[in-house]
N, C-alpha and C. Protein backbone atom coordinates (compact mmCIF):
# COMPACT_ATOMS: atom_id res chain seq x y z
N MET A 1 150.60 41.54 -39.78
CA MET A 1 151.61 42.95 -39.49
C MET A 1 152.21 43.00 -38.17
N GLY A 2 153.19 42.98 -37.68
CA GLY A 2 153.51 43.38 -36.54
C GLY A 2 153.00 44.69 -36.02
N PHE A 3 153.27 45.11 -34.45
CA PHE A 3 153.36 46.20 -34.15
C PHE A 3 154.34 46.34 -33.14
N GLY A 4 154.83 47.32 -33.35
CA GLY A 4 156.14 48.22 -32.51
C GLY A 4 155.96 47.87 -31.21
N TRP A 5 156.89 47.50 -30.00
CA TRP A 5 156.22 48.31 -28.83
C TRP A 5 158.22 48.02 -28.14
N ASN A 6 158.25 49.27 -28.30
CA ASN A 6 159.59 49.97 -27.75
C ASN A 6 161.31 49.04 -28.78
N GLY A 7 160.78 48.95 -29.55
CA GLY A 7 160.99 47.99 -30.38
C GLY A 7 161.30 46.88 -30.95
N THR A 8 160.39 46.10 -30.14
CA THR A 8 160.23 44.34 -29.59
C THR A 8 158.83 44.04 -30.28
N ARG A 9 158.45 42.99 -30.67
CA ARG A 9 156.89 43.20 -30.59
C ARG A 9 156.43 42.82 -29.96
N VAL A 10 155.02 42.46 -29.88
CA VAL A 10 154.25 42.61 -28.94
C VAL A 10 153.93 40.96 -29.23
N VAL A 11 153.53 40.57 -27.57
CA VAL A 11 153.64 39.45 -27.51
C VAL A 11 152.58 39.38 -26.44
N VAL A 12 151.93 37.92 -25.87
CA VAL A 12 150.54 38.28 -25.40
C VAL A 12 150.85 38.55 -23.59
N ALA A 13 151.92 38.24 -23.16
CA ALA A 13 152.46 39.16 -21.84
C ALA A 13 152.25 40.47 -21.71
N ASP A 14 152.33 41.40 -23.16
CA ASP A 14 151.78 42.64 -23.14
C ASP A 14 150.47 43.81 -22.95
N GLU A 15 149.62 42.26 -23.12
CA GLU A 15 148.59 42.63 -22.39
C GLU A 15 148.28 43.29 -21.39
N GLY A 16 147.16 44.09 -21.39
CA GLY A 16 146.47 44.64 -20.22
C GLY A 16 146.10 46.39 -20.26
N SER A 17 146.23 46.85 -19.04
CA SER A 17 146.23 48.82 -19.01
C SER A 17 147.64 49.84 -18.77
N TYR A 18 147.46 50.42 -19.71
CA TYR A 18 148.94 51.18 -19.50
C TYR A 18 148.02 52.66 -19.79
N THR A 19 149.13 54.04 -19.24
CA THR A 19 149.11 55.20 -19.30
C THR A 19 149.51 55.73 -20.47
N CYS A 20 149.31 56.55 -21.22
CA CYS A 20 149.82 57.05 -22.61
C CYS A 20 150.16 58.52 -21.86
N PHE A 21 151.44 59.51 -21.80
CA PHE A 21 151.39 60.49 -21.46
C PHE A 21 152.03 61.07 -22.83
N VAL A 22 151.35 62.75 -23.26
CA VAL A 22 151.53 62.96 -23.73
C VAL A 22 152.06 64.71 -23.27
N ARG A 23 152.66 64.99 -24.65
CA ARG A 23 153.09 66.41 -24.14
C ARG A 23 152.91 67.47 -25.39
N VAL A 24 151.77 68.57 -25.03
CA VAL A 24 151.66 69.61 -25.92
C VAL A 24 151.73 70.76 -25.51
N GLN A 25 151.35 71.74 -24.70
CA GLN A 25 152.07 72.35 -24.08
C GLN A 25 152.28 72.67 -23.11
N GLU A 26 150.70 70.96 -22.27
CA GLU A 26 151.39 71.04 -20.85
C GLU A 26 151.50 69.20 -21.11
N TYR A 27 151.51 68.50 -19.74
CA TYR A 27 151.51 67.21 -19.57
C TYR A 27 150.02 66.69 -19.69
N ASN A 28 150.12 65.58 -20.73
CA ASN A 28 148.31 64.79 -20.35
C ASN A 28 148.41 63.61 -20.40
N SER A 29 147.64 62.66 -19.78
CA SER A 29 148.00 61.59 -19.73
C SER A 29 146.45 60.70 -20.55
N ALA A 30 146.02 59.65 -20.70
CA ALA A 30 144.87 58.83 -21.25
C ALA A 30 145.34 57.41 -21.24
N ALA A 31 144.23 56.69 -20.67
CA ALA A 31 144.32 55.06 -20.19
C ALA A 31 143.60 54.60 -21.52
N LEU A 32 144.50 53.44 -22.60
CA LEU A 32 144.39 52.51 -22.86
C LEU A 32 144.71 51.34 -22.98
N LEU A 33 144.21 50.21 -23.42
CA LEU A 33 143.63 49.28 -23.07
C LEU A 33 144.62 48.22 -24.43
N LEU A 34 145.16 47.71 -23.96
CA LEU A 34 146.00 46.99 -25.52
C LEU A 34 145.63 45.40 -25.17
N LEU A 35 145.46 45.00 -26.21
CA LEU A 35 144.07 43.83 -26.80
C LEU A 35 145.53 42.80 -27.80
N VAL A 36 146.24 41.64 -27.18
CA VAL A 36 146.44 41.22 -27.86
C VAL A 36 145.77 40.38 -28.76
N ALA A 37 146.14 39.93 -30.23
CA ALA A 37 145.80 38.85 -30.64
C ALA A 37 146.51 38.39 -31.64
N ALA A 38 146.31 37.21 -32.70
CA ALA A 38 146.86 36.17 -33.04
C ALA A 38 146.65 35.51 -34.12
N PRO A 39 146.27 35.27 -35.15
CA PRO A 39 145.74 34.31 -35.95
C PRO A 39 146.34 32.75 -35.88
N TYR A 40 145.36 31.75 -35.79
CA TYR A 40 145.57 30.25 -35.61
C TYR A 40 145.77 29.78 -36.96
N SER A 41 146.19 28.69 -36.69
CA SER A 41 146.90 27.81 -38.50
C SER A 41 145.68 27.50 -38.51
N LYS A 42 146.02 26.86 -40.13
CA LYS A 42 144.37 26.05 -40.42
C LYS A 42 144.00 24.66 -39.73
N PRO A 43 143.18 24.63 -39.33
CA PRO A 43 142.74 23.78 -38.47
C PRO A 43 142.97 22.15 -39.11
N GLU A 44 143.40 21.18 -38.68
CA GLU A 44 143.21 19.63 -39.43
C GLU A 44 142.64 18.96 -38.22
N VAL A 45 142.26 17.78 -38.84
CA VAL A 45 141.41 16.50 -38.71
C VAL A 45 141.94 15.85 -38.40
N THR A 46 141.49 14.80 -37.51
CA THR A 46 142.15 13.16 -37.66
C THR A 46 140.68 12.60 -37.06
N LEU A 47 141.13 11.11 -37.20
CA LEU A 47 139.59 10.34 -37.38
C LEU A 47 139.94 9.46 -36.31
N GLU A 48 139.29 8.87 -35.50
CA GLU A 48 139.84 7.26 -34.57
C GLU A 48 138.20 6.54 -34.38
N PRO A 49 137.90 5.69 -35.10
CA PRO A 49 139.07 4.89 -35.38
C PRO A 49 139.37 5.70 -36.96
N GLU A 50 140.72 5.18 -37.44
CA GLU A 50 141.00 5.91 -38.96
C GLU A 50 140.52 4.73 -40.20
N SER A 51 139.62 3.41 -40.05
CA SER A 51 140.17 2.30 -41.23
C SER A 51 139.10 1.78 -40.68
N ASN A 52 137.88 1.07 -41.53
CA ASN A 52 137.30 -0.01 -41.06
C ASN A 52 136.06 0.13 -40.59
N LEU A 53 135.67 1.29 -40.99
CA LEU A 53 134.23 2.11 -41.16
C LEU A 53 133.32 2.02 -41.68
N ARG A 54 131.96 1.77 -40.65
CA ARG A 54 130.58 0.99 -41.28
C ARG A 54 129.57 2.09 -40.32
N PRO A 55 128.56 2.19 -40.72
CA PRO A 55 127.30 2.97 -40.77
C PRO A 55 127.01 2.76 -39.07
N GLY A 56 126.85 3.25 -38.24
CA GLY A 56 126.82 2.56 -36.84
C GLY A 56 127.77 2.34 -36.40
N ASP A 57 128.52 2.84 -36.68
CA ASP A 57 130.13 2.96 -35.75
C ASP A 57 129.56 4.08 -35.07
N GLU A 58 130.60 4.62 -33.76
CA GLU A 58 131.24 5.73 -33.40
C GLU A 58 132.24 6.14 -33.03
N LEU A 59 132.49 7.68 -34.05
CA LEU A 59 133.62 8.11 -34.44
C LEU A 59 134.14 9.47 -34.08
N ALA A 60 135.07 9.54 -33.43
CA ALA A 60 135.64 10.85 -33.39
C ALA A 60 136.12 11.11 -34.09
N LEU A 61 136.42 12.45 -33.99
CA LEU A 61 137.36 13.75 -34.70
C LEU A 61 137.81 14.37 -34.26
N THR A 62 138.77 14.44 -34.34
CA THR A 62 139.58 15.52 -33.13
C THR A 62 140.28 16.44 -34.41
N CYS A 63 139.69 18.23 -34.05
CA CYS A 63 140.32 19.25 -34.67
C CYS A 63 141.12 19.98 -33.75
N VAL A 64 142.44 20.38 -34.20
CA VAL A 64 143.29 21.08 -33.38
C VAL A 64 143.49 22.18 -34.92
N ALA A 65 143.80 23.11 -34.26
CA ALA A 65 144.35 24.58 -34.67
C ALA A 65 145.47 25.50 -33.94
N TYR A 66 146.39 25.43 -34.20
CA TYR A 66 148.00 26.02 -33.35
C TYR A 66 148.14 27.72 -33.86
N GLY A 67 148.75 28.24 -32.42
CA GLY A 67 149.48 29.37 -32.55
C GLY A 67 148.50 31.41 -32.13
N GLY A 68 147.10 30.26 -31.81
CA GLY A 68 146.21 31.46 -31.73
C GLY A 68 146.17 32.42 -29.90
N TYR A 69 145.46 33.53 -30.36
CA TYR A 69 145.82 34.13 -29.31
C TYR A 69 143.89 35.25 -29.49
N PRO A 70 143.01 35.30 -28.88
CA PRO A 70 142.74 35.10 -27.55
C PRO A 70 141.81 33.33 -28.13
N LYS A 71 141.25 32.98 -26.83
CA LYS A 71 140.99 31.22 -27.37
C LYS A 71 140.12 31.57 -28.41
N ALA A 72 139.76 30.46 -29.62
CA ALA A 72 138.76 31.01 -30.72
C ALA A 72 137.40 30.11 -29.86
N ASN A 73 136.07 30.69 -30.74
CA ASN A 73 134.72 29.85 -30.65
C ASN A 73 135.04 28.65 -31.54
N VAL A 74 134.48 27.54 -31.59
CA VAL A 74 134.90 26.63 -31.98
C VAL A 74 133.28 25.93 -31.86
N ILE A 75 133.30 26.12 -33.40
CA ILE A 75 131.52 25.01 -33.73
C ILE A 75 131.54 23.92 -34.83
N TRP A 76 131.28 23.30 -34.62
CA TRP A 76 130.98 22.24 -35.69
C TRP A 76 129.85 21.65 -36.16
N GLN A 77 129.86 21.74 -37.38
CA GLN A 77 128.43 21.69 -38.68
C GLN A 77 128.66 20.42 -39.20
N ASP A 78 127.00 19.80 -39.54
CA ASP A 78 127.39 19.07 -40.39
C ASP A 78 127.38 19.72 -41.60
N GLY A 79 126.97 18.59 -42.83
CA GLY A 79 126.82 18.88 -44.32
C GLY A 79 126.31 19.82 -44.87
N SER A 80 125.13 20.09 -43.76
CA SER A 80 124.16 20.93 -44.34
C SER A 80 124.08 22.22 -43.48
N GLY A 81 125.37 22.71 -42.86
CA GLY A 81 125.38 23.72 -42.56
C GLY A 81 124.99 23.27 -40.69
N ARG A 82 123.72 22.88 -40.20
CA ARG A 82 123.99 22.81 -39.01
C ARG A 82 124.71 22.62 -37.89
N ASN A 83 124.69 23.33 -36.83
CA ASN A 83 125.58 22.91 -35.68
C ASN A 83 125.11 22.12 -35.28
N LEU A 84 126.65 21.51 -34.78
CA LEU A 84 126.30 20.19 -34.32
C LEU A 84 126.83 20.61 -32.03
N THR A 85 125.95 20.47 -31.16
CA THR A 85 126.20 20.73 -29.89
C THR A 85 126.13 19.64 -29.54
N ASP A 86 125.65 18.37 -29.40
CA ASP A 86 125.83 16.60 -27.70
C ASP A 86 126.99 16.85 -28.56
N ASN A 87 127.76 15.81 -27.84
CA ASN A 87 128.56 14.74 -27.39
C ASN A 87 130.31 16.03 -28.50
N ILE A 88 130.57 17.43 -27.64
CA ILE A 88 131.71 17.64 -28.11
C ILE A 88 132.60 18.10 -26.63
N THR A 89 133.92 18.18 -27.04
CA THR A 89 134.47 17.56 -25.84
C THR A 89 136.21 19.39 -26.35
N THR A 90 136.29 20.73 -25.71
CA THR A 90 137.05 21.56 -26.56
C THR A 90 138.03 21.56 -25.37
N SER A 91 139.75 21.57 -25.12
CA SER A 91 140.28 21.97 -24.88
C SER A 91 141.33 22.71 -25.77
N VAL A 92 141.68 23.85 -24.23
CA VAL A 92 142.87 24.69 -24.52
C VAL A 92 144.41 24.51 -23.97
N VAL A 93 145.45 24.24 -24.69
CA VAL A 93 146.57 24.39 -23.37
C VAL A 93 147.93 25.90 -24.60
N ALA A 94 148.16 26.43 -23.47
CA ALA A 94 149.03 27.79 -24.25
C ALA A 94 150.53 27.32 -24.26
N ASN A 95 151.43 27.80 -24.77
CA ASN A 95 152.74 27.61 -24.99
C ASN A 95 153.56 28.76 -24.44
N GLU A 96 154.55 28.59 -23.93
CA GLU A 96 155.87 29.62 -23.72
C GLU A 96 155.62 30.93 -24.20
N GLN A 97 155.29 31.18 -25.11
CA GLN A 97 154.77 32.24 -25.66
C GLN A 97 153.18 33.06 -25.05
N GLY A 98 152.56 32.12 -24.45
CA GLY A 98 151.23 32.45 -24.15
C GLY A 98 149.96 32.06 -25.49
N LEU A 99 150.63 31.42 -26.33
CA LEU A 99 149.88 31.61 -27.84
C LEU A 99 149.06 29.85 -27.27
N PHE A 100 147.90 30.08 -27.98
CA PHE A 100 147.17 28.71 -27.93
C PHE A 100 146.80 27.59 -28.98
N THR A 101 147.32 26.36 -28.20
CA THR A 101 146.33 25.28 -29.23
C THR A 101 144.93 25.09 -28.83
N MET A 102 144.24 24.97 -29.94
CA MET A 102 143.02 24.77 -29.39
C MET A 102 142.73 23.23 -30.31
N THR A 103 142.39 22.29 -29.37
CA THR A 103 141.69 20.68 -29.84
C THR A 103 140.44 20.74 -29.42
N SER A 104 139.25 20.15 -30.30
CA SER A 104 138.20 20.38 -30.34
C SER A 104 137.74 18.45 -31.04
N VAL A 105 137.47 17.88 -30.00
CA VAL A 105 136.63 16.43 -30.36
C VAL A 105 135.30 16.34 -30.46
N LEU A 106 134.80 16.20 -31.45
CA LEU A 106 133.55 15.82 -31.47
C LEU A 106 133.11 14.14 -32.06
N THR A 107 132.18 13.46 -31.26
CA THR A 107 131.88 11.83 -30.53
C THR A 107 130.54 12.28 -31.84
N VAL A 108 130.61 11.16 -32.65
CA VAL A 108 128.96 10.76 -33.66
C VAL A 108 129.01 9.24 -34.18
N VAL A 109 127.69 9.20 -34.47
CA VAL A 109 127.67 7.90 -34.55
C VAL A 109 127.22 8.10 -36.54
N LEU A 110 128.51 7.18 -37.03
CA LEU A 110 128.55 7.19 -38.86
C LEU A 110 127.37 6.93 -39.07
N GLU A 111 127.01 7.81 -40.34
CA GLU A 111 126.02 7.33 -41.72
C GLU A 111 126.72 7.32 -42.70
N PRO A 112 126.21 6.74 -43.58
CA PRO A 112 127.10 5.70 -45.12
C PRO A 112 127.69 7.14 -45.21
N ASN A 113 127.48 8.48 -45.39
CA ASN A 113 127.97 9.73 -45.79
C ASN A 113 128.17 10.55 -44.92
N SER A 114 128.91 10.83 -44.20
CA SER A 114 128.20 12.10 -43.04
C SER A 114 129.63 13.03 -43.80
N SER A 115 129.48 14.80 -43.40
CA SER A 115 130.13 15.72 -43.55
C SER A 115 129.92 16.63 -42.09
N PHE A 116 131.64 17.22 -42.32
CA PHE A 116 131.60 17.31 -41.56
C PHE A 116 132.32 19.15 -41.46
N ASN A 117 132.15 19.79 -40.20
CA ASN A 117 132.99 21.23 -40.51
C ASN A 117 133.29 21.84 -39.54
N CYS A 118 134.59 22.12 -39.02
CA CYS A 118 135.37 22.50 -38.43
C CYS A 118 135.26 23.94 -37.88
N ARG A 119 135.10 25.14 -37.01
CA ARG A 119 135.25 25.51 -37.43
C ARG A 119 135.78 26.70 -36.07
N LEU A 120 136.75 27.69 -36.65
CA LEU A 120 137.57 28.40 -35.28
C LEU A 120 137.27 30.03 -35.64
N ILE A 121 136.71 30.89 -34.94
CA ILE A 121 136.73 32.23 -34.92
C ILE A 121 137.46 32.78 -33.73
N ASN A 122 138.31 33.60 -34.70
CA ASN A 122 138.87 34.62 -33.30
C ASN A 122 138.04 35.72 -33.16
N PRO A 123 137.49 35.65 -31.58
CA PRO A 123 136.44 36.92 -31.43
C PRO A 123 137.54 38.45 -31.95
N LEU A 124 138.46 38.38 -31.60
CA LEU A 124 139.14 39.90 -31.49
C LEU A 124 139.73 40.20 -32.68
N LEU A 125 139.96 38.39 -34.08
CA LEU A 125 140.12 39.39 -35.39
C LEU A 125 139.02 39.16 -36.05
N SER A 126 137.80 38.55 -35.97
CA SER A 126 137.17 38.10 -36.53
C SER A 126 137.22 37.43 -37.80
N GLU A 127 138.04 36.70 -37.59
CA GLU A 127 138.80 35.46 -38.16
C GLU A 127 138.40 34.28 -38.02
N GLU A 128 137.70 33.90 -39.25
CA GLU A 128 137.93 32.32 -39.16
C GLU A 128 138.31 31.44 -39.90
N ARG A 129 138.47 30.30 -39.27
CA ARG A 129 139.22 29.48 -40.02
C ARG A 129 138.96 28.03 -40.09
N SER A 130 138.44 27.11 -40.94
CA SER A 130 137.77 26.23 -41.27
C SER A 130 138.46 24.77 -41.86
N ILE A 131 137.59 23.44 -41.30
CA ILE A 131 138.41 22.47 -42.42
C ILE A 131 136.99 21.68 -42.50
N PHE A 132 136.56 21.07 -43.91
CA PHE A 132 135.83 20.50 -44.04
C PHE A 132 135.94 19.28 -44.43
N VAL A 133 135.41 17.75 -44.00
CA VAL A 133 135.77 16.39 -44.12
C VAL A 133 134.85 15.75 -44.59
N THR A 134 134.78 14.93 -44.91
CA THR A 134 133.55 14.14 -45.13
C THR A 134 134.48 12.16 -44.85
N VAL A 135 133.41 11.60 -44.29
CA VAL A 135 133.69 10.52 -44.28
C VAL A 135 133.13 9.13 -44.08
N THR A 136 133.32 8.30 -45.18
CA THR A 136 132.39 7.81 -46.09
C THR A 136 132.98 6.15 -45.25
N GLY A 137 131.31 5.93 -44.85
CA GLY A 137 131.23 4.31 -43.95
C GLY A 137 130.42 3.31 -45.10
N TRP A 138 131.01 1.86 -45.10
CA TRP A 138 130.66 0.75 -45.68
C TRP A 138 130.04 -0.27 -44.83
């Protein structure tokens, strides 16, 4: 749901400190902080290499989500729900509107059946987007 701001929609650049003036019998003012948030798209995962996967091969999984704000916390987990913390690279790129594309790359050694969960958590919205993938090596 959008929030109106002088007849226009709020954009990332509107984030910051403001003063609100109220007149009842006399003027009073109060400071406020406007925080901006936008939900991310559902993440997508790609594999490198995509085919001829064998157990013991090194595999790079790239998880991408678009159009969110602020920066999300990205968590990779295995099929048992354990956090994977080694060999992860996460980057953030802003578009013209200031919304972020989050890209996270996990590098693993493939087992015969490996499952992975990429989770993005928007800290301001307390909103989570995730994708679960299973990779089979022959």
